[in-house]
Protein backbone atom coordinates (compact mmCIF):
# COMPACT_ATOMS: atom_id res chain seq x y z
CA ILE A 1 11.36 -14.22 1.15
CA LEU A 2 11.86 -10.55 0.36
CA SER A 3 14.15 -8.26 2.34
CA ILE A 4 14.33 -4.49 2.14
CA SER A 5 17.41 -2.63 3.35
CA GLU A 6 18.41 1.01 3.48
CA GLY A 7 20.01 0.78 0.06
CA PHE A 8 18.39 0.99 -3.32
CA ALA A 9 17.72 -2.73 -3.62
CA MET A 10 15.44 -5.48 -2.41
CA ARG A 11 16.69 -9.03 -2.12
CA LEU A 12 14.69 -12.12 -2.98
CA TRP A 13 15.67 -15.30 -1.08
CA ASN A 14 14.53 -18.90 -1.12
CA LEU A 15 13.56 -20.74 2.07
CA ASN A 16 17.10 -22.14 2.41
CA GLY A 17 18.51 -18.62 2.66
CA ASP A 18 20.01 -18.60 -0.81
CA LEU A 19 19.93 -15.24 -2.61
CA LEU A 20 17.88 -15.57 -5.80
CA GLN A 21 17.77 -12.00 -7.11
CA ILE A 22 18.64 -8.43 -6.31
CA LEU A 23 15.93 -6.02 -7.44
CA LYS A 24 17.46 -2.55 -7.84
CA SER A 25 15.63 0.77 -7.87
CA ASN A 26 16.52 4.46 -7.99
CA GLY A 27 15.06 5.31 -4.59
CA LEU A 28 14.72 3.91 -1.11
CA THR A 29 12.14 1.16 -0.89
CA GLU A 30 9.62 1.88 1.85
CA ASP A 31 7.22 -1.04 1.36
CA ALA A 32 6.72 -4.08 -0.81
CA ASP A 33 4.10 -6.78 -1.21
CA PHE A 34 3.92 -10.10 -3.05
CA SER A 35 1.00 -10.78 -5.35
CA PRO A 36 -1.20 -13.60 -4.02
CA ASP A 37 0.13 -15.95 -6.73
CA GLY A 38 3.72 -15.10 -5.75
CA ASN A 39 4.74 -14.09 -9.27
CA HIS A 40 4.98 -10.33 -8.79
CA ILE A 41 6.11 -7.78 -6.24
CA VAL A 42 4.87 -4.21 -5.97
CA SER A 43 7.20 -1.73 -4.25
CA ALA A 44 6.81 1.84 -2.94
CA HIS A 45 9.69 4.31 -3.11
CA ASN A 46 10.67 7.59 -1.51
CA ILE A 47 11.11 9.31 -4.87
CA GLY A 48 7.40 9.15 -5.73
CA THR A 49 7.56 5.95 -7.73
CA VAL A 50 5.89 2.57 -7.61
CA ARG A 51 7.39 -0.44 -9.32
CA LEU A 52 5.77 -3.69 -10.38
CA TRP A 53 8.30 -6.53 -10.62
CA ASN A 54 8.10 -9.95 -12.27
CA ILE A 55 10.10 -12.19 -9.91
CA HIS A 56 10.91 -14.72 -12.64
CA ASN A 57 12.89 -12.35 -14.84
CA ALA A 58 13.33 -9.20 -12.66
CA LYS A 59 11.57 -7.08 -15.29
CA LYS A 60 9.97 -4.04 -13.75
CA MET A 61 7.27 -1.62 -14.76
CA LEU A 62 7.14 1.92 -13.45
CA LEU A 63 3.71 3.04 -12.23
CA LYS A 64 3.60 6.82 -12.64
CA GLY A 65 1.21 9.27 -11.06
CA HIS A 66 2.15 10.13 -7.50
CA ALA A 67 3.73 13.54 -6.89
CA GLY A 68 5.32 12.69 -3.53
CA TYR A 69 6.96 10.04 -1.42
CA VAL A 70 5.10 6.72 -1.77
CA TRP A 71 4.82 5.04 1.62
CA THR A 72 2.84 1.83 0.99
CA ALA A 73 1.92 -0.49 -1.86
CA ASN A 74 -0.32 -3.54 -1.55
CA PHE A 75 -2.01 -6.11 -3.75
CA SER A 76 -5.68 -6.89 -3.33
CA PRO A 77 -6.51 -10.35 -1.95
CA ASP A 78 -7.38 -11.63 -5.44
CA GLY A 79 -4.29 -10.01 -7.01
CA GLU A 80 -6.35 -8.02 -9.51
CA HIS A 81 -5.63 -4.57 -8.00
CA ILE A 82 -2.83 -2.60 -6.35
CA ILE A 83 -3.30 0.28 -3.91
CA THR A 84 -0.58 2.85 -3.13
CA ALA A 85 -0.45 5.62 -0.53
CA SER A 86 1.57 8.80 -0.88
CA TRP A 87 2.64 12.00 0.81
CA ASP A 88 0.90 13.82 -2.07
CA ASN A 89 -2.29 13.36 0.06
CA THR A 90 -3.68 10.68 -2.27
CA ALA A 91 -3.96 6.95 -2.67
CA ARG A 92 -4.08 5.43 -6.12
CA LEU A 93 -5.77 2.29 -7.34
CA TRP A 94 -4.11 0.40 -10.20
CA ASP A 95 -4.99 -2.78 -12.02
CA LYS A 96 -2.55 -5.70 -11.78
CA ASN A 97 -0.93 -4.59 -15.06
CA GLY A 98 -0.11 -1.11 -13.78
CA LYS A 99 -2.97 0.85 -15.35
CA LEU A 100 -4.19 3.69 -13.12
CA LEU A 101 -7.88 3.19 -12.31
CA GLN A 102 -8.70 5.71 -9.56
CA VAL A 103 -7.16 8.57 -7.59
CA LEU A 104 -8.52 8.59 -4.04
CA SER A 105 -8.30 12.19 -2.87
CA GLY A 106 -9.83 13.97 0.08
CA HIS A 107 -7.28 13.65 2.88
CA ASN A 108 -5.84 16.98 4.02
CA GLU A 109 -2.38 15.60 4.82
CA LYS A 110 0.02 12.81 3.87
CA VAL A 111 -1.55 9.41 3.28
CA TYR A 112 0.61 6.82 4.99
CA HIS A 113 -1.30 3.60 4.59
CA ALA A 114 -3.77 2.01 2.24
CA GLY A 115 -5.06 -1.51 2.03
CA PHE A 116 -7.95 -3.74 1.07
CA SER A 117 -10.74 -5.41 2.97
CA PRO A 118 -10.40 -9.21 3.06
CA ASP A 119 -12.97 -9.58 0.25
CA GLY A 120 -11.10 -6.98 -1.84
CA GLU A 121 -14.24 -4.88 -2.34
CA ASN A 122 -13.24 -1.92 -0.15
CA ILE A 123 -10.10 0.12 0.39
CA PHE A 124 -8.97 1.94 3.53
CA THR A 125 -6.65 4.94 3.65
CA SER A 126 -5.14 6.56 6.74
CA SER A 127 -3.53 9.95 7.00
CA ASN A 128 -1.75 12.47 9.16
CA ASP A 129 -5.10 14.31 9.19
CA ASN A 130 -6.13 11.79 11.91
CA THR A 131 -8.80 10.17 9.74
CA VAL A 132 -9.37 6.86 8.05
CA ARG A 133 -11.49 6.70 4.93
CA ILE A 134 -13.19 3.71 3.39
CA TRP A 135 -13.65 3.70 -0.40
CA ASN A 136 -15.13 1.32 -2.94
CA LEU A 137 -13.20 0.13 -5.98
CA TYR A 138 -14.82 2.87 -8.09
CA GLY A 139 -13.21 5.61 -5.99
CA ARG A 140 -16.39 6.54 -4.13
CA LEU A 141 -15.88 7.57 -0.51
CA LEU A 142 -18.11 5.37 1.64
CA ILE A 143 -17.27 6.68 5.12
CA LYS A 144 -14.85 8.98 6.91
CA LEU A 145 -13.83 7.70 10.35
CA LYS A 146 -13.00 10.50 12.79
CA GLY A 147 -12.13 10.36 16.45
CA HIS A 148 -8.37 9.97 16.80
CA THR A 149 -6.38 13.00 17.90
CA GLY A 150 -3.05 11.77 16.52
CA LYS A 151 -1.58 10.26 13.40
CA ILE A 152 -3.08 6.89 12.54
CA TYR A 153 -0.60 4.09 12.07
CA LYS A 154 -1.25 1.03 9.93
CA PRO A 155 -4.96 0.12 10.14
CA ASP A 156 -6.10 -3.36 9.28
CA PHE A 157 -9.31 -5.25 8.82
CA TYR A 158 -10.16 -8.16 11.08
CA PRO A 159 -9.92 -11.34 8.92
CA ASP A 160 -13.72 -11.63 8.52
CA GLY A 161 -13.86 -8.03 7.26
CA ASN A 162 -16.44 -6.91 9.83
CA PHE A 163 -14.11 -4.69 11.85
CA LEU A 164 -11.34 -2.20 11.10
CA ILE A 165 -8.70 -1.62 13.78
CA THR A 166 -6.94 1.76 13.83
CA PRO A 167 -3.89 2.25 16.08
CA SER A 168 -2.95 5.88 16.66
CA ALA A 169 -0.19 8.13 17.98
CA ASP A 170 -2.79 9.45 20.44
CA GLY A 171 -2.16 6.26 22.48
CA THR A 172 -5.41 4.56 21.53
CA ALA A 173 -6.62 1.94 19.12
CA ARG A 174 -10.18 1.96 17.89
CA ILE A 175 -12.29 -0.85 16.54
CA TRP A 176 -14.82 0.22 13.92
CA ASP A 177 -17.65 -1.91 12.59
């Protein structure tokens, strides 16, 4: 179990509630995700950094590239990729070792969320520009979803990958196929 507080640390717990490790960073942690195999954690920080942690020895790698607050960080379903979303209006695709593969640019405002389709073949990004974009793993924009009149919160794919649900500050949620 991983907990994030308002300090500069995340805490890793076992199922009995025993503290296993404290993972310290230089900035506030906004988001974190376990790798599918449970051996790594990727974390997003308010100081424009992304960290990749090995939970067995607390070693961390700094993933550099964003120029603004990093809001989300997620592993792909197969654990081979990491996607991050930032207030620098981009999302970035990394391999599981922290190598930058693609910069997904095109949003006109802060990118708050990014994630993968259940098969790991597509990426979604959502922004304060009221759009969601779907990309392939090569950084090619596949579709721009427009229609919301407010910020889009955390979109997510339906488990079978056929639908994307987008909740918005405009008081609506849309289902896209």
